[in-house]
Amino acid sequence: MATDPQNNIGRQGRMAALVIAATGVLWVGATFAGNSLGWSNRTMALMDLLALAGFVFGLAVTYRIWRQRQADEG
């Protein structure tokens, strides 16, 4: 079965959207939990760095999709 490039781009777009949305929700949840439970600044910084990694990953996937569409258009 041949893979459709548009289907692949759509799948990557959905993955990027899910990663960015999940990262945002988990980041807000971790911030709330950290404030409520009195986590140390070091632990809160770790949560911020993990969220930053998730957002950078989503941005990298989005950039790759954009470059792929530019190449497909010609």
Protein backbone atom coordinates (compact mmCIF):
# COMPACT_ATOMS: atom_id res chain seq x y z
CA MET A 1 0.00 0.00 0.00
CA ALA A 2 1.47 3.32 -1.09
CA THR A 3 1.62 6.10 1.44
CA ASP A 4 -0.08 9.34 0.50
CA PRO A 5 2.19 12.36 1.22
CA GLN A 6 -0.81 14.50 2.19
CA ASN A 7 -1.93 11.84 4.68
CA ASN A 8 1.58 11.79 6.15
CA ILE A 9 1.60 15.59 6.49
CA GLY A 10 -1.82 15.48 8.15
CA ARG A 11 -0.67 12.82 10.59
CA GLN A 12 2.41 14.85 11.49
CA GLY A 13 0.27 17.96 11.96
CA ARG A 14 -2.07 16.14 14.32
CA MET A 15 0.91 14.81 16.27
CA ALA A 16 2.39 18.31 16.59
CA ALA A 17 -0.96 19.72 17.71
CA LEU A 18 -1.42 16.98 20.31
CA VAL A 19 2.11 17.40 21.65
CA ILE A 20 1.74 21.17 21.98
CA ALA A 21 -1.72 20.94 23.58
CA ALA A 22 -0.72 18.16 25.97
CA THR A 23 2.46 19.99 26.92
CA GLY A 24 0.49 23.14 27.73
CA VAL A 25 -2.07 21.28 29.83
CA LEU A 26 0.58 19.29 31.70
CA TRP A 27 2.68 22.41 32.25
CA VAL A 28 -0.25 24.28 33.78
CA GLY A 29 -1.09 21.22 35.87
CA ALA A 30 2.49 20.83 37.06
CA THR A 31 2.67 24.52 37.97
CA PHE A 32 -0.56 24.28 39.94
CA ALA A 33 0.54 21.06 41.66
CA GLY A 34 3.96 22.50 42.44
CA ASN A 35 2.48 25.60 44.03
CA SER A 36 -0.10 23.58 45.97
CA LEU A 37 2.34 20.95 47.20
CA GLY A 38 5.24 23.30 47.84
CA TRP A 39 7.74 21.79 45.40
CA SER A 40 11.21 23.28 45.43
CA ASN A 41 12.34 25.81 42.85
CA ARG A 42 14.65 23.18 41.41
CA THR A 43 11.74 20.81 40.76
CA MET A 44 9.65 23.61 39.28
CA ALA A 45 12.54 24.54 36.98
CA LEU A 46 12.73 20.92 35.86
CA MET A 47 9.01 21.00 34.98
CA ASP A 48 9.57 24.24 33.05
CA LEU A 49 12.47 22.69 31.12
CA LEU A 50 10.40 19.61 30.28
CA ALA A 51 7.61 21.86 29.02
CA LEU A 52 10.11 23.86 26.99
CA ALA A 53 11.38 20.61 25.43
CA GLY A 54 7.82 19.65 24.49
CA PHE A 55 7.15 23.03 22.90
CA VAL A 56 10.46 22.96 21.00
CA PHE A 57 9.65 19.47 19.72
CA GLY A 58 6.23 20.66 18.53
CA LEU A 59 7.83 23.66 16.85
CA ALA A 60 10.43 21.45 15.15
CA VAL A 61 7.72 19.14 13.78
CA THR A 62 5.73 22.15 12.58
CA TYR A 63 8.82 23.58 10.84
CA ARG A 64 9.49 20.22 9.19
CA ILE A 65 5.90 20.10 7.90
CA TRP A 66 6.23 23.64 6.54
CA ARG A 67 9.49 22.78 4.75
CA GLN A 68 7.98 19.62 3.31
CA ARG A 69 4.98 21.52 1.96
CA GLN A 70 7.26 24.15 0.44
CA ALA A 71 9.20 21.41 -1.35
CA ASP A 72 5.99 19.76 -2.58
CA GLU A 73 4.62 23.00 -4.03
CA GLY A 74 7.61 23.48 -6.07
